[in-house]
Amino acid sequence: MNGYHVPSLCAPDLSLHTIGANVTLTRRVQQLEEELSVWKQARAATVDEASRDKRQHEEEKSGLLRRIANLEMQQVRKQYCPTSLAP
């Protein structure tokens, strides 16, 4: 069986019982759809935030790599150029 107990009812009572169960299930489906919508919005916001964080991290990383490259270049210039010619 399906796990639901439907009492032995005559046709009009069974019809009312079925309508009541249908209303209850319809309300529950609406509640679950609303909850799903909230979860989807929260996930979208989290994904957007993670994307912004990743973009910011990549920008900071690029900036740091440029600074490192500039510092390395300055070191090379100091090693191979006379101090009077170095900027």
PDB file of N, CA and C in Angstrom:
ATOM      1  N   MET A   1       0.821  -1.189   0.000  1.00  0.00           N
ATOM      2  CA  MET A   1       0.000   0.000   0.000  1.00  0.00           C
ATOM      3  C   MET A   1       0.861   1.247   0.000  1.00  0.00           C
ATOM      4  N   ASN A   2       0.248   2.421  -0.123  1.00  0.00           N
ATOM      5  CA  ASN A   2       0.996   3.670  -0.229  1.00  0.00           C
ATOM      6  C   ASN A   2       1.278   4.324   1.115  1.00  0.00           C
ATOM      7  N   GLY A   3       0.834   3.738   2.212  1.00  0.00           N
ATOM      8  CA  GLY A   3       1.115   4.294   3.519  1.00  0.00           C
ATOM      9  C   GLY A   3       0.039   5.245   4.023  1.00  0.00           C
ATOM     10  N   TYR A   4      -0.915   5.586   3.176  1.00  0.00           N
ATOM     11  CA  TYR A   4      -1.995   6.470   3.586  1.00  0.00           C
ATOM     12  C   TYR A   4      -3.201   5.626   3.960  1.00  0.00           C
ATOM     13  N   HIS A   5      -3.860   6.012   5.016  1.00  0.00           N
ATOM     14  CA  HIS A   5      -5.067   5.294   5.436  1.00  0.00           C
ATOM     15  C   HIS A   5      -6.265   6.137   5.053  1.00  0.00           C
ATOM     16  N   VAL A   6      -7.058   5.579   4.185  1.00  0.00           N
ATOM     17  CA  VAL A   6      -8.303   6.248   3.800  1.00  0.00           C
ATOM     18  C   VAL A   6      -9.435   5.453   4.424  1.00  0.00           C
ATOM     19  N   PRO A   7     -10.163   6.095   5.331  1.00  0.00           N
ATOM     20  CA  PRO A   7     -11.246   5.353   5.977  1.00  0.00           C
ATOM     21  C   PRO A   7     -12.325   4.978   4.962  1.00  0.00           C
ATOM     22  N   SER A   8     -13.064   3.916   5.281  1.00  0.00           N
ATOM     23  CA  SER A   8     -14.169   3.532   4.405  1.00  0.00           C
ATOM     24  C   SER A   8     -15.241   4.596   4.522  1.00  0.00           C
ATOM     25  N   LEU A   9     -15.448   5.269   3.429  1.00  0.00           N
ATOM     26  CA  LEU A   9     -16.433   6.346   3.405  1.00  0.00           C
ATOM     27  C   LEU A   9     -17.369   6.123   2.228  1.00  0.00           C
ATOM     28  N   CYS A  10     -18.534   6.653   2.357  1.00  0.00           N
ATOM     29  CA  CYS A  10     -19.436   6.591   1.213  1.00  0.00           C
ATOM     30  C   CYS A  10     -19.005   7.651   0.202  1.00  0.00           C
ATOM     31  N   ALA A  11     -19.523   7.624  -0.983  1.00  0.00           N
ATOM     32  CA  ALA A  11     -19.073   8.464  -2.097  1.00  0.00           C
ATOM     33  C   ALA A  11     -19.042   9.953  -1.758  1.00  0.00           C
ATOM     34  N   PRO A  12     -20.088  10.565  -1.194  1.00  0.00           N
ATOM     35  CA  PRO A  12     -20.015  12.006  -0.899  1.00  0.00           C
ATOM     36  C   PRO A  12     -18.950  12.329   0.137  1.00  0.00           C
ATOM     37  N   ASP A  13     -18.808  11.480   1.162  1.00  0.00           N
ATOM     38  CA  ASP A  13     -17.785  11.718   2.185  1.00  0.00           C
ATOM     39  C   ASP A  13     -16.388  11.552   1.591  1.00  0.00           C
ATOM     40  N   LEU A  14     -16.226  10.551   0.735  1.00  0.00           N
ATOM     41  CA  LEU A  14     -14.951  10.318   0.084  1.00  0.00           C
ATOM     42  C   LEU A  14     -14.583  11.501  -0.808  1.00  0.00           C
ATOM     43  N   SER A  15     -15.570  12.041  -1.471  1.00  0.00           N
ATOM     44  CA  SER A  15     -15.342  13.202  -2.334  1.00  0.00           C
ATOM     45  C   SER A  15     -14.895  14.405  -1.508  1.00  0.00           C
ATOM     46  N   LEU A  16     -15.562  14.648  -0.393  1.00  0.00           N
ATOM     47  CA  LEU A  16     -15.178  15.761   0.481  1.00  0.00           C
ATOM     48  C   LEU A  16     -13.788  15.535   1.060  1.00  0.00           C
ATOM     49  N   HIS A  17     -13.507  14.301   1.439  1.00  0.00           N
ATOM     50  CA  HIS A  17     -12.183  13.959   1.980  1.00  0.00           C
ATOM     51  C   HIS A  17     -11.112  14.199   0.917  1.00  0.00           C
ATOM     52  N   THR A  18     -11.381  13.793  -0.305  1.00  0.00           N
ATOM     53  CA  THR A  18     -10.431  13.971  -1.406  1.00  0.00           C
ATOM     54  C   THR A  18     -10.212  15.449  -1.691  1.00  0.00           C
ATOM     55  N   ILE A  19     -11.276  16.220  -1.694  1.00  0.00           N
ATOM     56  CA  ILE A  19     -11.158  17.666  -1.926  1.00  0.00           C
ATOM     57  C   ILE A  19     -10.337  18.305  -0.811  1.00  0.00           C
ATOM     58  N   GLY A  20     -10.595  17.925   0.435  1.00  0.00           N
ATOM     59  CA  GLY A  20      -9.842  18.464   1.569  1.00  0.00           C
ATOM     60  C   GLY A  20      -8.359  18.110   1.472  1.00  0.00           C
ATOM     61  N   ALA A  21      -8.081  16.855   1.118  1.00  0.00           N
ATOM     62  CA  ALA A  21      -6.689  16.432   0.968  1.00  0.00           C
ATOM     63  C   ALA A  21      -6.029  17.203  -0.172  1.00  0.00           C
ATOM     64  N   ASN A  22      -6.753  17.421  -1.249  1.00  0.00           N
ATOM     65  CA  ASN A  22      -6.224  18.163  -2.389  1.00  0.00           C
ATOM     66  C   ASN A  22      -5.891  19.604  -1.996  1.00  0.00           C
ATOM     67  N   VAL A  23      -6.760  20.232  -1.229  1.00  0.00           N
ATOM     68  CA  VAL A  23      -6.516  21.602  -0.769  1.00  0.00           C
ATOM     69  C   VAL A  23      -5.274  21.642   0.116  1.00  0.00           C
ATOM     70  N   THR A  24      -5.177  20.679   1.025  1.00  0.00           N
ATOM     71  CA  THR A  24      -4.017  20.610   1.919  1.00  0.00           C
ATOM     72  C   THR A  24      -2.731  20.430   1.127  1.00  0.00           C
ATOM     73  N   LEU A  25      -2.751  19.517   0.171  1.00  0.00           N
ATOM     74  CA  LEU A  25      -1.557  19.271  -0.644  1.00  0.00           C
ATOM     75  C   LEU A  25      -1.210  20.478  -1.519  1.00  0.00           C
ATOM     76  N   THR A  26      -2.216  21.138  -2.042  1.00  0.00           N
ATOM     77  CA  THR A  26      -1.976  22.327  -2.866  1.00  0.00           C
ATOM     78  C   THR A  26      -1.315  23.427  -2.040  1.00  0.00           C
ATOM     79  N   ARG A  27      -1.784  23.628  -0.829  1.00  0.00           N
ATOM     80  CA  ARG A  27      -1.157  24.628   0.059  1.00  0.00           C
ATOM     81  C   ARG A  27       0.289  24.261   0.359  1.00  0.00           C
ATOM     82  N   ARG A  28       0.520  22.977   0.615  1.00  0.00           N
ATOM     83  CA  ARG A  28       1.887  22.534   0.932  1.00  0.00           C
ATOM     84  C   ARG A  28       2.814  22.730  -0.263  1.00  0.00           C
ATOM     85  N   VAL A  29       2.314  22.440  -1.451  1.00  0.00           N
ATOM     86  CA  VAL A  29       3.116  22.653  -2.661  1.00  0.00           C
ATOM     87  C   VAL A  29       3.447  24.139  -2.809  1.00  0.00           C
ATOM     88  N   GLN A  30       2.497  25.008  -2.558  1.00  0.00           N
ATOM     89  CA  GLN A  30       2.745  26.452  -2.631  1.00  0.00           C
ATOM     90  C   GLN A  30       3.808  26.875  -1.621  1.00  0.00           C
ATOM     91  N   GLN A  31       3.727  26.338  -0.404  1.00  0.00           N
ATOM     92  CA  GLN A  31       4.727  26.654   0.618  1.00  0.00           C
ATOM     93  C   GLN A  31       6.111  26.192   0.172  1.00  0.00           C
ATOM     94  N   LEU A  32       6.177  24.998  -0.360  1.00  0.00           N
ATOM     95  CA  LEU A  32       7.463  24.461  -0.805  1.00  0.00           C
ATOM     96  C   LEU A  32       8.014  25.250  -1.997  1.00  0.00           C
ATOM     97  N   GLU A  33       7.140  25.688  -2.896  1.00  0.00           N
ATOM     98  CA  GLU A  33       7.589  26.507  -4.024  1.00  0.00           C
ATOM     99  C   GLU A  33       8.134  27.848  -3.538  1.00  0.00           C
ATOM    100  N   GLU A  34       7.488  28.437  -2.538  1.00  0.00           N
ATOM    101  CA  GLU A  34       7.988  29.692  -1.963  1.00  0.00           C
ATOM    102  C   GLU A  34       9.340  29.473  -1.291  1.00  0.00           C
ATOM    103  N   GLU A  35       9.466  28.388  -0.553  1.00  0.00           N
ATOM    104  CA  GLU A  35      10.731  28.083   0.112  1.00  0.00           C
ATOM    105  C   GLU A  35      11.835  27.844  -0.919  1.00  0.00           C
ATOM    106  N   LEU A  36      11.507  27.130  -1.981  1.00  0.00           N
ATOM    107  CA  LEU A  36      12.476  26.889  -3.053  1.00  0.00           C
ATOM    108  C   LEU A  36      12.915  28.197  -3.692  1.00  0.00           C
ATOM    109  N   SER A  37      11.980  29.097  -3.874  1.00  0.00           N
ATOM    110  CA  SER A  37      12.304  30.404  -4.450  1.00  0.00           C
ATOM    111  C   SER A  37      13.283  31.166  -3.563  1.00  0.00           C
ATOM    112  N   VAL A  38      13.063  31.111  -2.261  1.00  0.00           N
ATOM    113  CA  VAL A  38      13.969  31.779  -1.314  1.00  0.00           C
ATOM    114  C   VAL A  38      15.356  31.154  -1.388  1.00  0.00           C
ATOM    115  N   TRP A  39      15.421  29.825  -1.440  1.00  0.00           N
ATOM    116  CA  TRP A  39      16.718  29.150  -1.532  1.00  0.00           C
ATOM    117  C   TRP A  39      17.429  29.498  -2.836  1.00  0.00           C
ATOM    118  N   LYS A  40      16.675  29.575  -3.936  1.00  0.00           N
ATOM    119  CA  LYS A  40      17.282  29.935  -5.224  1.00  0.00           C
ATOM    120  C   LYS A  40      17.852  31.357  -5.175  1.00  0.00           C
ATOM    121  N   GLN A  41      17.112  32.277  -4.561  1.00  0.00           N
ATOM    122  CA  GLN A  41      17.593  33.654  -4.443  1.00  0.00           C
ATOM    123  C   GLN A  41      18.857  33.710  -3.593  1.00  0.00           C
ATOM    124  N   ALA A  42      18.858  32.958  -2.495  1.00  0.00           N
ATOM    125  CA  ALA A  42      20.033  32.942  -1.617  1.00  0.00           C
ATOM    126  C   ALA A  42      21.236  32.358  -2.350  1.00  0.00           C
ATOM    127  N   ARG A  43      21.021  31.305  -3.121  1.00  0.00           N
ATOM    128  CA  ARG A  43      22.117  30.694  -3.874  1.00  0.00           C
ATOM    129  C   ARG A  43      22.647  31.674  -4.924  1.00  0.00           C
ATOM    130  N   ALA A  44      21.739  32.339  -5.629  1.00  0.00           N
ATOM    131  CA  ALA A  44      22.164  33.299  -6.650  1.00  0.00           C
ATOM    132  C   ALA A  44      22.983  34.422  -6.024  1.00  0.00           C
ATOM    133  N   ALA A  45      22.552  34.911  -4.874  1.00  0.00           N
ATOM    134  CA  ALA A  45      23.295  35.974  -4.189  1.00  0.00           C
ATOM    135  C   ALA A  45      24.679  35.474  -3.763  1.00  0.00           C
ATOM    136  N   THR A  46      24.746  34.248  -3.286  1.00  0.00           N
ATOM    137  CA  THR A  46      26.024  33.670  -2.858  1.00  0.00           C
ATOM    138  C   THR A  46      26.961  33.490  -4.045  1.00  0.00           C
ATOM    139  N   VAL A  47      26.430  33.007  -5.160  1.00  0.00           N
ATOM    140  CA  VAL A  47      27.243  32.818  -6.362  1.00  0.00           C
ATOM    141  C   VAL A  47      27.754  34.166  -6.864  1.00  0.00           C
ATOM    142  N   ASP A  48      26.890  35.178  -6.864  1.00  0.00           N
ATOM    143  CA  ASP A  48      27.312  36.525  -7.288  1.00  0.00           C
ATOM    144  C   ASP A  48      28.424  37.056  -6.392  1.00  0.00           C
ATOM    145  N   GLU A  49      28.263  36.895  -5.096  1.00  0.00           N
ATOM    146  CA  GLU A  49      29.271  37.381  -4.153  1.00  0.00           C
ATOM    147  C   GLU A  49      30.590  36.649  -4.348  1.00  0.00           C
ATOM    148  N   ALA A  50      30.511  35.340  -4.539  1.00  0.00           N
ATOM    149  CA  ALA A  50      31.730  34.551  -4.761  1.00  0.00           C
ATOM    150  C   ALA A  50      32.419  34.986  -6.053  1.00  0.00           C
ATOM    151  N   SER A  51      31.635  35.294  -7.055  1.00  0.00           N
ATOM    152  CA  SER A  51      32.195  35.746  -8.330  1.00  0.00           C
ATOM    153  C   SER A  51      32.898  37.093  -8.164  1.00  0.00           C
ATOM    154  N   ARG A  52      32.269  37.997  -7.424  1.00  0.00           N
ATOM    155  CA  ARG A  52      32.902  39.306  -7.155  1.00  0.00           C
ATOM    156  C   ARG A  52      34.188  39.126  -6.353  1.00  0.00           C
ATOM    157  N   ASP A  53      34.138  38.269  -5.341  1.00  0.00           N
ATOM    158  CA  ASP A  53      35.332  38.015  -4.529  1.00  0.00           C
ATOM    159  C   ASP A  53      36.463  37.441  -5.374  1.00  0.00           C
ATOM    160  N   LYS A  54      36.121  36.516  -6.260  1.00  0.00           N
ATOM    161  CA  LYS A  54      37.137  35.902  -7.116  1.00  0.00           C
ATOM    162  C   LYS A  54      37.749  36.937  -8.053  1.00  0.00           C
ATOM    163  N   ARG A  55      36.888  37.780  -8.643  1.00  0.00           N
ATOM    164  CA  ARG A  55      37.375  38.833  -9.544  1.00  0.00           C
ATOM    165  C   ARG A  55      38.303  39.789  -8.797  1.00  0.00           C
ATOM    166  N   GLN A  56      37.907  40.182  -7.585  1.00  0.00           N
ATOM    167  CA  GLN A  56      38.729  41.080  -6.776  1.00  0.00           C
ATOM    168  C   GLN A  56      40.059  40.417  -6.426  1.00  0.00           C
ATOM    169  N   HIS A  57      40.013  39.152  -6.079  1.00  0.00           N
ATOM    170  CA  HIS A  57      41.236  38.416  -5.752  1.00  0.00           C
ATOM    171  C   HIS A  57      42.179  38.385  -6.963  1.00  0.00           C
ATOM    172  N   GLU A  58      41.618  38.117  -8.136  1.00  0.00           N
ATOM    173  CA  GLU A  58      42.439  38.061  -9.347  1.00  0.00           C
ATOM    174  C   GLU A  58      43.060  39.424  -9.658  1.00  0.00           C
ATOM    175  N   GLU A  59      42.297  40.502  -9.437  1.00  0.00           N
ATOM    176  CA  GLU A  59      42.828  41.851  -9.669  1.00  0.00           C
ATOM    177  C   GLU A  59      43.973  42.150  -8.696  1.00  0.00           C
ATOM    178  N   GLU A  60      43.775  41.796  -7.434  1.00  0.00           N
ATOM    179  CA  GLU A  60      44.830  42.012  -6.435  1.00  0.00           C
ATOM    180  C   GLU A  60      46.072  41.175  -6.768  1.00  0.00           C
ATOM    181  N   LYS A  61      45.845  39.950  -7.187  1.00  0.00           N
ATOM    182  CA  LYS A  61      46.956  39.070  -7.548  1.00  0.00           C
ATOM    183  C   LYS A  61      47.736  39.655  -8.729  1.00  0.00           C
ATOM    184  N   SER A  62      47.011  40.151  -9.744  1.00  0.00           N
ATOM    185  CA  SER A  62      47.679  40.750 -10.904  1.00  0.00           C
ATOM    186  C   SER A  62      48.493  41.964 -10.492  1.00  0.00           C
ATOM    187  N   GLY A  63      47.931  42.788  -9.626  1.00  0.00           N
ATOM    188  CA  GLY A  63      48.643  43.965  -9.142  1.00  0.00           C
ATOM    189  C   GLY A  63      49.908  43.585  -8.391  1.00  0.00           C
ATOM    190  N   LEU A  64      49.808  42.584  -7.545  1.00  0.00           N
ATOM    191  CA  LEU A  64      50.989  42.138  -6.788  1.00  0.00           C
ATOM    192  C   LEU A  64      52.054  41.551  -7.717  1.00  0.00           C
ATOM    193  N   LEU A  65      51.622  40.796  -8.708  1.00  0.00           N
ATOM    194  CA  LEU A  65      52.585  40.231  -9.657  1.00  0.00           C
ATOM    195  C   LEU A  65      53.293  41.329 -10.448  1.00  0.00           C
ATOM    196  N   ARG A  66      52.552  42.380 -10.813  1.00  0.00           N
ATOM    197  CA  ARG A  66      53.185  43.523 -11.499  1.00  0.00           C
ATOM    198  C   ARG A  66      54.210  44.194 -10.598  1.00  0.00           C
ATOM    199  N   ARG A  67      53.846  44.371  -9.323  1.00  0.00           N
ATOM    200  CA  ARG A  67      54.781  45.004  -8.384  1.00  0.00           C
ATOM    201  C   ARG A  67      56.039  44.154  -8.218  1.00  0.00           C
ATOM    202  N   ILE A  68      55.854  42.843  -8.112  1.00  0.00           N
ATOM    203  CA  ILE A  68      57.012  41.948  -7.987  1.00  0.00           C
ATOM    204  C   ILE A  68      57.896  42.063  -9.223  1.00  0.00           C
ATOM    205  N   ALA A  69      57.277  42.063 -10.404  1.00  0.00           N
ATOM    206  CA  ALA A  69      58.051  42.167 -11.645  1.00  0.00           C
ATOM    207  C   ALA A  69      58.822  43.485 -11.684  1.00  0.00           C
ATOM    208  N   ASN A  70      58.189  44.570 -11.258  1.00  0.00           N
ATOM    209  CA  ASN A  70      58.871  45.875 -11.233  1.00  0.00           C
ATOM    210  C   ASN A  70      60.040  45.859 -10.251  1.00  0.00           C
ATOM    211  N   LEU A  71      59.832  45.278  -9.086  1.00  0.00           N
ATOM    212  CA  LEU A  71      60.922  45.195  -8.102  1.00  0.00           C
ATOM    213  C   LEU A  71      62.077  44.342  -8.626  1.00  0.00           C
ATOM    214  N   GLU A  72      61.748  43.246  -9.286  1.00  0.00           N
ATOM    215  CA  GLU A  72      62.801  42.402  -9.861  1.00  0.00           C
ATOM    216  C   GLU A  72      63.567  43.161 -10.941  1.00  0.00           C
ATOM    217  N   MET A  73      62.847  43.922 -11.745  1.00  0.00           N
ATOM    218  CA  MET A  73      63.499  44.696 -12.790  1.00  0.00           C
ATOM    219  C   MET A  73      64.420  45.753 -12.186  1.00  0.00           C
ATOM    220  N   GLN A  74      63.978  46.374 -11.104  1.00  0.00           N
ATOM    221  CA  GLN A  74      64.827  47.364 -10.437  1.00  0.00           C
ATOM    222  C   GLN A  74      66.104  46.701  -9.907  1.00  0.00           C
ATOM    223  N   GLN A  75      65.971  45.500  -9.376  1.00  0.00           N
ATOM    224  CA  GLN A  75      67.140  44.778  -8.879  1.00  0.00           C
ATOM    225  C   GLN A  75      68.112  44.462 -10.021  1.00  0.00           C
ATOM    226  N   VAL A  76      67.578  44.061 -11.163  1.00  0.00           N
ATOM    227  CA  VAL A  76      68.421  43.761 -12.325  1.00  0.00           C
ATOM    228  C   VAL A  76      69.151  45.021 -12.767  1.00  0.00           C
ATOM    229  N   ARG A  77      68.430  46.132 -12.815  1.00  0.00           N
ATOM    230  CA  ARG A  77      69.056  47.398 -13.224  1.00  0.00           C
ATOM    231  C   ARG A  77      70.182  47.779 -12.265  1.00  0.00           C
ATOM    232  N   LYS A  78      69.938  47.599 -10.973  1.00  0.00           N
ATOM    233  CA  LYS A  78      70.967  47.946  -9.988  1.00  0.00           C
ATOM    234  C   LYS A  78      72.198  47.070 -10.157  1.00  0.00           C
ATOM    235  N   GLN A  79      71.984  45.816 -10.527  1.00  0.00           N
ATOM    236  CA  GLN A  79      73.113  44.897 -10.684  1.00  0.00           C
ATOM    237  C   GLN A  79      73.939  45.203 -11.939  1.00  0.00           C
ATOM    238  N   TYR A  80      73.260  45.519 -13.015  1.00  0.00           N
ATOM    239  CA  TYR A  80      73.958  45.603 -14.296  1.00  0.00           C
ATOM    240  C   TYR A  80      74.171  47.020 -14.810  1.00  0.00           C
ATOM    241  N   CYS A  81      73.627  48.001 -14.161  1.00  0.00           N
ATOM    242  CA  CYS A  81      73.793  49.374 -14.616  1.00  0.00           C
ATOM    243  C   CYS A  81      74.597  50.147 -13.551  1.00  0.00           C
ATOM    244  N   PRO A  82      75.442  50.994 -14.003  1.00  0.00           N
ATOM    245  CA  PRO A  82      76.135  51.848 -13.017  1.00  0.00           C
ATOM    246  C   PRO A  82      75.114  52.709 -12.279  1.00  0.00           C
ATOM    247  N   THR A  83      75.419  53.021 -11.054  1.00  0.00           N
ATOM    248  CA  THR A  83      74.475  53.784 -10.232  1.00  0.00           C
ATOM    249  C   THR A  83      74.196  55.158 -10.806  1.00  0.00           C
ATOM    250  N   SER A  84      75.061  55.708 -11.537  1.00  0.00           N
ATOM    251  CA  SER A  84      74.813  57.037 -12.092  1.00  0.00           C
ATOM    252  C   SER A  84      73.799  56.996 -13.210  1.00  0.00           C
ATOM    253  N   LEU A  85      73.659  55.849 -13.875  1.00  0.00           N
ATOM    254  CA  LEU A  85      72.701  55.727 -14.967  1.00  0.00           C
ATOM    255  C   LEU A  85      71.372  55.171 -14.513  1.00  0.00           C
ATOM    256  N   ALA A  86      71.335  54.551 -13.371  1.00  0.00           N
ATOM    257  CA  ALA A  86      70.081  53.934 -12.892  1.00  0.00           C
ATOM    258  C   ALA A  86      69.103  55.019 -12.479  1.00  0.00           C
ATOM    259  N   PRO A  87      67.833  54.829 -12.794  1.00  0.00           N
ATOM    260  CA  PRO A  87      66.831  55.852 -12.428  1.00  0.00           C
ATOM    261  C   PRO A  87      66.588  55.921 -10.934  1.00  0.00           C
TER     262      PRO A  87
END
